[in-house]
Amino acid sequence: MRGSVTRLNEKLGCGFILGQDGSEAYFDLSSLEGMDIRALSIGKAVDYQEHFGHERLRAASVKVIPNSQSESASGS
């Protein structure tokens, strides 16, 4: 699934992703695949898998989409 980071707390190591279908999924450090949380920012486009965790929708296997719109927009 594709989405974008809508909330991010680097200190706590967690945040939320808004999916293209309008669902919001929680992620934490264990959800990130091959990257540090510092690679993320609000609006960053990501690929991820959704699953239902304890009490809420969770994101797993979160990966940044290379050359996403949010990256190219910052160069304008």
PDB file of N, CA and C in Angstrom:
ATOM      1  N   MET A   1       0.848  -1.169   0.000  1.00  0.00           N
ATOM      2  CA  MET A   1       0.000   0.000   0.000  1.00  0.00           C
ATOM      3  C   MET A   1       0.899   1.239   0.000  1.00  0.00           C
ATOM      4  N   ARG A   2       0.380   2.315  -0.569  1.00  0.00           N
ATOM      5  CA  ARG A   2       1.117   3.584  -0.573  1.00  0.00           C
ATOM      6  C   ARG A   2       0.415   4.591   0.318  1.00  0.00           C
ATOM      7  N   GLY A   3       1.222   5.494   0.877  1.00  0.00           N
ATOM      8  CA  GLY A   3       0.675   6.546   1.710  1.00  0.00           C
ATOM      9  C   GLY A   3       1.731   7.591   1.962  1.00  0.00           C
ATOM     10  N   SER A   4       1.434   8.486   2.900  1.00  0.00           N
ATOM     11  CA  SER A   4       2.400   9.515   3.267  1.00  0.00           C
ATOM     12  C   SER A   4       2.383   9.710   4.777  1.00  0.00           C
ATOM     13  N   VAL A   5       3.523  10.104   5.300  1.00  0.00           N
ATOM     14  CA  VAL A   5       3.669  10.325   6.737  1.00  0.00           C
ATOM     15  C   VAL A   5       2.872  11.567   7.112  1.00  0.00           C
ATOM     16  N   THR A   6       1.964  11.428   8.086  1.00  0.00           N
ATOM     17  CA  THR A   6       1.145  12.567   8.502  1.00  0.00           C
ATOM     18  C   THR A   6       1.539  13.103   9.874  1.00  0.00           C
ATOM     19  N   ARG A   7       2.044  12.228  10.729  1.00  0.00           N
ATOM     20  CA  ARG A   7       2.515  12.636  12.054  1.00  0.00           C
ATOM     21  C   ARG A   7       3.793  11.868  12.344  1.00  0.00           C
ATOM     22  N   LEU A   8       4.737  12.545  13.014  1.00  0.00           N
ATOM     23  CA  LEU A   8       6.030  11.929  13.269  1.00  0.00           C
ATOM     24  C   LEU A   8       6.582  12.446  14.588  1.00  0.00           C
ATOM     25  N   ASN A   9       7.021  11.529  15.433  1.00  0.00           N
ATOM     26  CA  ASN A   9       7.660  11.896  16.695  1.00  0.00           C
ATOM     27  C   ASN A   9       8.995  11.164  16.763  1.00  0.00           C
ATOM     28  N   GLU A  10      10.063  11.844  16.345  1.00  0.00           N
ATOM     29  CA  GLU A  10      11.391  11.224  16.323  1.00  0.00           C
ATOM     30  C   GLU A  10      11.856  10.820  17.715  1.00  0.00           C
ATOM     31  N   LYS A  11      11.527  11.631  18.727  1.00  0.00           N
ATOM     32  CA  LYS A  11      11.952  11.318  20.094  1.00  0.00           C
ATOM     33  C   LYS A  11      11.378   9.997  20.571  1.00  0.00           C
ATOM     34  N   LEU A  12      10.090   9.771  20.303  1.00  0.00           N
ATOM     35  CA  LEU A  12       9.441   8.534  20.721  1.00  0.00           C
ATOM     36  C   LEU A  12       9.621   7.414  19.695  1.00  0.00           C
ATOM     37  N   GLY A  13      10.053   7.762  18.493  1.00  0.00           N
ATOM     38  CA  GLY A  13      10.284   6.759  17.456  1.00  0.00           C
ATOM     39  C   GLY A  13       9.012   6.176  16.873  1.00  0.00           C
ATOM     40  N   CYS A  14       8.026   7.052  16.624  1.00  0.00           N
ATOM     41  CA  CYS A  14       6.758   6.558  16.091  1.00  0.00           C
ATOM     42  C   CYS A  14       6.064   7.647  15.272  1.00  0.00           C
ATOM     43  N   GLY A  15       4.987   7.261  14.618  1.00  0.00           N
ATOM     44  CA  GLY A  15       4.216   8.211  13.833  1.00  0.00           C
ATOM     45  C   GLY A  15       3.024   7.543  13.175  1.00  0.00           C
ATOM     46  N   PHE A  16       2.421   8.258  12.234  1.00  0.00           N
ATOM     47  CA  PHE A  16       1.247   7.747  11.526  1.00  0.00           C
ATOM     48  C   PHE A  16       1.402   7.982  10.031  1.00  0.00           C
ATOM     49  N   ILE A  17       0.829   7.071   9.258  1.00  0.00           N
ATOM     50  CA  ILE A  17       0.823   7.141   7.805  1.00  0.00           C
ATOM     51  C   ILE A  17      -0.626   7.188   7.348  1.00  0.00           C
ATOM     52  N   LEU A  18      -0.929   8.107   6.436  1.00  0.00           N
ATOM     53  CA  LEU A  18      -2.255   8.178   5.829  1.00  0.00           C
ATOM     54  C   LEU A  18      -2.183   7.446   4.501  1.00  0.00           C
ATOM     55  N   GLY A  19      -2.955   6.363   4.383  1.00  0.00           N
ATOM     56  CA  GLY A  19      -2.968   5.570   3.166  1.00  0.00           C
ATOM     57  C   GLY A  19      -3.787   6.225   2.072  1.00  0.00           C
ATOM     58  N   GLN A  20      -3.568   5.806   0.833  1.00  0.00           N
ATOM     59  CA  GLN A  20      -4.321   6.346  -0.294  1.00  0.00           C
ATOM     60  C   GLN A  20      -5.814   6.069  -0.163  1.00  0.00           C
ATOM     61  N   ASP A  21      -6.178   5.059   0.628  1.00  0.00           N
ATOM     62  CA  ASP A  21      -7.591   4.739   0.833  1.00  0.00           C
ATOM     63  C   ASP A  21      -8.212   5.534   1.979  1.00  0.00           C
ATOM     64  N   GLY A  22      -7.430   6.413   2.612  1.00  0.00           N
ATOM     65  CA  GLY A  22      -7.940   7.240   3.699  1.00  0.00           C
ATOM     66  C   GLY A  22      -7.743   6.653   5.084  1.00  0.00           C
ATOM     67  N   SER A  23      -7.211   5.439   5.179  1.00  0.00           N
ATOM     68  CA  SER A  23      -6.973   4.834   6.491  1.00  0.00           C
ATOM     69  C   SER A  23      -5.672   5.365   7.079  1.00  0.00           C
ATOM     70  N   GLU A  24      -5.622   5.445   8.409  1.00  0.00           N
ATOM     71  CA  GLU A  24      -4.424   5.925   9.093  1.00  0.00           C
ATOM     72  C   GLU A  24      -3.826   4.778   9.897  1.00  0.00           C
ATOM     73  N   ALA A  25      -2.540   4.525   9.692  1.00  0.00           N
ATOM     74  CA  ALA A  25      -1.860   3.416  10.360  1.00  0.00           C
ATOM     75  C   ALA A  25      -0.710   3.931  11.207  1.00  0.00           C
ATOM     76  N   TYR A  26      -0.574   3.368  12.393  1.00  0.00           N
ATOM     77  CA  TYR A  26       0.501   3.694  13.327  1.00  0.00           C
ATOM     78  C   TYR A  26       1.763   2.926  12.934  1.00  0.00           C
ATOM     79  N   PHE A  27       2.937   3.552  13.097  1.00  0.00           N
ATOM     80  CA  PHE A  27       4.201   2.835  12.929  1.00  0.00           C
ATOM     81  C   PHE A  27       5.161   3.219  14.036  1.00  0.00           C
ATOM     82  N   ASP A  28       6.126   2.328  14.289  1.00  0.00           N
ATOM     83  CA  ASP A  28       7.198   2.632  15.228  1.00  0.00           C
ATOM     84  C   ASP A  28       8.509   2.140  14.624  1.00  0.00           C
ATOM     85  N   LEU A  29       9.584   2.221  15.373  1.00  0.00           N
ATOM     86  CA  LEU A  29      10.902   1.862  14.852  1.00  0.00           C
ATOM     87  C   LEU A  29      10.950   0.441  14.295  1.00  0.00           C
ATOM     88  N   SER A  30      10.226  -0.481  14.917  1.00  0.00           N
ATOM     89  CA  SER A  30      10.240  -1.866  14.447  1.00  0.00           C
ATOM     90  C   SER A  30       9.534  -2.030  13.109  1.00  0.00           C
ATOM     91  N   SER A  31       8.767  -1.019  12.688  1.00  0.00           N
ATOM     92  CA  SER A  31       8.046  -1.060  11.413  1.00  0.00           C
ATOM     93  C   SER A  31       8.908  -0.653  10.229  1.00  0.00           C
ATOM     94  N   LEU A  32      10.016   0.031  10.494  1.00  0.00           N
ATOM     95  CA  LEU A  32      10.851   0.586   9.431  1.00  0.00           C
ATOM     96  C   LEU A  32      11.762  -0.480   8.849  1.00  0.00           C
ATOM     97  N   GLU A  33      11.846  -0.504   7.538  1.00  0.00           N
ATOM     98  CA  GLU A  33      12.653  -1.511   6.864  1.00  0.00           C
ATOM     99  C   GLU A  33      13.909  -0.892   6.258  1.00  0.00           C
ATOM    100  N   GLY A  34      15.052  -1.197   6.862  1.00  0.00           N
ATOM    101  CA  GLY A  34      16.336  -0.765   6.331  1.00  0.00           C
ATOM    102  C   GLY A  34      16.593   0.730   6.383  1.00  0.00           C
ATOM    103  N   MET A  35      15.983   1.426   7.340  1.00  0.00           N
ATOM    104  CA  MET A  35      16.235   2.858   7.453  1.00  0.00           C
ATOM    105  C   MET A  35      16.036   3.316   8.891  1.00  0.00           C
ATOM    106  N   ASP A  36      16.498   4.500   9.151  1.00  0.00           N
ATOM    107  CA  ASP A  36      16.362   5.148  10.443  1.00  0.00           C
ATOM    108  C   ASP A  36      15.160   6.087  10.373  1.00  0.00           C
ATOM    109  N   ILE A  37      14.550   6.372  11.489  1.00  0.00           N
ATOM    110  CA  ILE A  37      13.381   7.261  11.500  1.00  0.00           C
ATOM    111  C   ILE A  37      13.731   8.657  10.971  1.00  0.00           C
ATOM    112  N   ARG A  38      15.005   9.039  11.033  1.00  0.00           N
ATOM    113  CA  ARG A  38      15.415  10.347  10.515  1.00  0.00           C
ATOM    114  C   ARG A  38      15.279  10.453   8.996  1.00  0.00           C
ATOM    115  N   ALA A  39      15.078   9.320   8.320  1.00  0.00           N
ATOM    116  CA  ALA A  39      14.855   9.337   6.867  1.00  0.00           C
ATOM    117  C   ALA A  39      13.434   9.784   6.525  1.00  0.00           C
ATOM    118  N   LEU A  40      12.564   9.857   7.543  1.00  0.00           N
ATOM    119  CA  LEU A  40      11.167  10.235   7.329  1.00  0.00           C
ATOM    120  C   LEU A  40      10.930  11.696   7.686  1.00  0.00           C
ATOM    121  N   SER A  41       9.911  12.264   7.073  1.00  0.00           N
ATOM    122  CA  SER A  41       9.460  13.616   7.392  1.00  0.00           C
ATOM    123  C   SER A  41       7.979  13.698   7.036  1.00  0.00           C
ATOM    124  N   ILE A  42       7.297  14.702   7.544  1.00  0.00           N
ATOM    125  CA  ILE A  42       5.887  14.893   7.237  1.00  0.00           C
ATOM    126  C   ILE A  42       5.735  15.064   5.725  1.00  0.00           C
ATOM    127  N   GLY A  43       4.801  14.309   5.153  1.00  0.00           N
ATOM    128  CA  GLY A  43       4.552  14.382   3.719  1.00  0.00           C
ATOM    129  C   GLY A  43       5.363  13.401   2.897  1.00  0.00           C
ATOM    130  N   LYS A  44       6.342  12.736   3.510  1.00  0.00           N
ATOM    131  CA  LYS A  44       7.191  11.776   2.784  1.00  0.00           C
ATOM    132  C   LYS A  44       6.337  10.604   2.313  1.00  0.00           C
ATOM    133  N   ALA A  45       6.446  10.255   1.040  1.00  0.00           N
ATOM    134  CA  ALA A  45       5.708   9.129   0.468  1.00  0.00           C
ATOM    135  C   ALA A  45       6.387   7.818   0.850  1.00  0.00           C
ATOM    136  N   VAL A  46       5.582   6.830   1.247  1.00  0.00           N
ATOM    137  CA  VAL A  46       6.098   5.534   1.677  1.00  0.00           C
ATOM    138  C   VAL A  46       5.244   4.393   1.127  1.00  0.00           C
ATOM    139  N   ASP A  47       5.864   3.235   1.018  1.00  0.00           N
ATOM    140  CA  ASP A  47       5.172   1.969   0.778  1.00  0.00           C
ATOM    141  C   ASP A  47       5.136   1.252   2.115  1.00  0.00           C
ATOM    142  N   TYR A  48       4.062   0.517   2.380  1.00  0.00           N
ATOM    143  CA  TYR A  48       3.966  -0.214   3.642  1.00  0.00           C
ATOM    144  C   TYR A  48       2.902  -1.292   3.539  1.00  0.00           C
ATOM    145  N   GLN A  49       2.861  -2.153   4.529  1.00  0.00           N
ATOM    146  CA  GLN A  49       1.825  -3.178   4.637  1.00  0.00           C
ATOM    147  C   GLN A  49       0.993  -2.872   5.870  1.00  0.00           C
ATOM    148  N   GLU A  50      -0.304  -3.026   5.743  1.00  0.00           N
ATOM    149  CA  GLU A  50      -1.201  -2.782   6.879  1.00  0.00           C
ATOM    150  C   GLU A  50      -1.556  -4.097   7.563  1.00  0.00           C
ATOM    151  N   HIS A  51      -1.698  -4.032   8.859  1.00  0.00           N
ATOM    152  CA  HIS A  51      -2.256  -5.157   9.617  1.00  0.00           C
ATOM    153  C   HIS A  51      -2.867  -4.610  10.893  1.00  0.00           C
ATOM    154  N   PHE A  52      -3.782  -5.368  11.469  1.00  0.00           N
ATOM    155  CA  PHE A  52      -4.411  -4.923  12.712  1.00  0.00           C
ATOM    156  C   PHE A  52      -3.581  -5.392  13.885  1.00  0.00           C
ATOM    157  N   GLY A  53      -3.075  -4.432  14.633  1.00  0.00           N
ATOM    158  CA  GLY A  53      -2.315  -4.712  15.841  1.00  0.00           C
ATOM    159  C   GLY A  53      -3.261  -4.639  17.026  1.00  0.00           C
ATOM    160  N   HIS A  54      -2.705  -4.570  18.197  1.00  0.00           N
ATOM    161  CA  HIS A  54      -3.499  -4.447  19.417  1.00  0.00           C
ATOM    162  C   HIS A  54      -4.161  -3.068  19.438  1.00  0.00           C
ATOM    163  N   GLU A  55      -5.455  -3.017  19.241  1.00  0.00           N
ATOM    164  CA  GLU A  55      -6.283  -1.812  19.325  1.00  0.00           C
ATOM    165  C   GLU A  55      -6.276  -0.885  18.113  1.00  0.00           C
ATOM    166  N   ARG A  56      -5.361  -1.040  17.152  1.00  0.00           N
ATOM    167  CA  ARG A  56      -5.352  -0.102  16.027  1.00  0.00           C
ATOM    168  C   ARG A  56      -4.679  -0.693  14.793  1.00  0.00           C
ATOM    169  N   LEU A  57      -4.900  -0.011  13.674  1.00  0.00           N
ATOM    170  CA  LEU A  57      -4.264  -0.379  12.419  1.00  0.00           C
ATOM    171  C   LEU A  57      -2.785  -0.022  12.505  1.00  0.00           C
ATOM    172  N   ARG A  58      -1.930  -0.944  12.111  1.00  0.00           N
ATOM    173  CA  ARG A  58      -0.482  -0.719  12.177  1.00  0.00           C
ATOM    174  C   ARG A  58       0.136  -0.855  10.794  1.00  0.00           C
ATOM    175  N   ALA A  59       1.239  -0.149  10.595  1.00  0.00           N
ATOM    176  CA  ALA A  59       2.008  -0.247   9.362  1.00  0.00           C
ATOM    177  C   ALA A  59       3.233  -1.116   9.628  1.00  0.00           C
ATOM    178  N   ALA A  60       3.572  -1.962   8.667  1.00  0.00           N
ATOM    179  CA  ALA A  60       4.761  -2.798   8.748  1.00  0.00           C
ATOM    180  C   ALA A  60       5.537  -2.655   7.444  1.00  0.00           C
ATOM    181  N   SER A  61       6.793  -3.020   7.463  1.00  0.00           N
ATOM    182  CA  SER A  61       7.651  -2.985   6.265  1.00  0.00           C
ATOM    183  C   SER A  61       7.610  -1.617   5.580  1.00  0.00           C
ATOM    184  N   VAL A  62       7.728  -0.558   6.372  1.00  0.00           N
ATOM    185  CA  VAL A  62       7.672   0.812   5.848  1.00  0.00           C
ATOM    186  C   VAL A  62       8.963   1.133   5.098  1.00  0.00           C
ATOM    187  N   LYS A  63       8.816   1.594   3.847  1.00  0.00           N
ATOM    188  CA  LYS A  63       9.961   1.972   3.006  1.00  0.00           C
ATOM    189  C   LYS A  63       9.649   3.290   2.322  1.00  0.00           C
ATOM    190  N   VAL A  64      10.628   4.179   2.251  1.00  0.00           N
ATOM    191  CA  VAL A  64      10.481   5.447   1.533  1.00  0.00           C
ATOM    192  C   VAL A  64      10.430   5.159   0.043  1.00  0.00           C
ATOM    193  N   ILE A  65       9.543   5.851  -0.665  1.00  0.00           N
ATOM    194  CA  ILE A  65       9.465   5.734  -2.117  1.00  0.00           C
ATOM    195  C   ILE A  65      10.524   6.675  -2.700  1.00  0.00           C
ATOM    196  N   PRO A  66      11.517   6.140  -3.420  1.00  0.00           N
ATOM    197  CA  PRO A  66      12.556   6.998  -3.996  1.00  0.00           C
ATOM    198  C   PRO A  66      11.962   8.021  -4.962  1.00  0.00           C
ATOM    199  N   ASN A  67      12.521   9.220  -4.950  1.00  0.00           N
ATOM    200  CA  ASN A  67      12.088  10.301  -5.840  1.00  0.00           C
ATOM    201  C   ASN A  67      10.605  10.618  -5.706  1.00  0.00           C
ATOM    202  N   SER A  68      10.104  10.546  -4.471  1.00  0.00           N
ATOM    203  CA  SER A  68       8.689  10.845  -4.243  1.00  0.00           C
ATOM    204  C   SER A  68       8.446  12.338  -4.435  1.00  0.00           C
ATOM    205  N   GLN A  69       7.199  12.703  -4.605  1.00  0.00           N
ATOM    206  CA  GLN A  69       6.825  14.090  -4.858  1.00  0.00           C
ATOM    207  C   GLN A  69       7.314  15.025  -3.763  1.00  0.00           C
ATOM    208  N   SER A  70       7.253  14.576  -2.514  1.00  0.00           N
ATOM    209  CA  SER A  70       7.680  15.445  -1.407  1.00  0.00           C
ATOM    210  C   SER A  70       9.164  15.781  -1.512  1.00  0.00           C
ATOM    211  N   GLU A  71       9.986  14.862  -2.055  1.00  0.00           N
ATOM    212  CA  GLU A  71      11.405  15.142  -2.214  1.00  0.00           C
ATOM    213  C   GLU A  71      11.644  16.138  -3.333  1.00  0.00           C
ATOM    214  N   SER A  72      10.915  15.967  -4.468  1.00  0.00           N
ATOM    215  CA  SER A  72      11.138  16.864  -5.604  1.00  0.00           C
ATOM    216  C   SER A  72      10.558  18.248  -5.330  1.00  0.00           C
ATOM    217  N   ALA A  73       9.505  18.318  -4.524  1.00  0.00           N
ATOM    218  CA  ALA A  73       8.889  19.607  -4.220  1.00  0.00           C
ATOM    219  C   ALA A  73       9.810  20.475  -3.371  1.00  0.00           C
ATOM    220  N   SER A  74      10.668  19.837  -2.569  1.00  0.00           N
ATOM    221  CA  SER A  74      11.548  20.622  -1.715  1.00  0.00           C
ATOM    222  C   SER A  74      12.645  21.335  -2.500  1.00  0.00           C
ATOM    223  N   GLY A  75      12.864  20.922  -3.749  1.00  0.00           N
ATOM    224  CA  GLY A  75      13.880  21.557  -4.554  1.00  0.00           C
ATOM    225  C   GLY A  75      13.379  22.751  -5.331  1.00  0.00           C
ATOM    226  N   SER A  76      12.073  23.060  -5.248  1.00  0.00           N
ATOM    227  CA  SER A  76      11.490  24.183  -5.985  1.00  0.00           C
ATOM    228  C   SER A  76      11.820  25.494  -5.348  1.00  0.00           C
TER     229      SER A  76
END
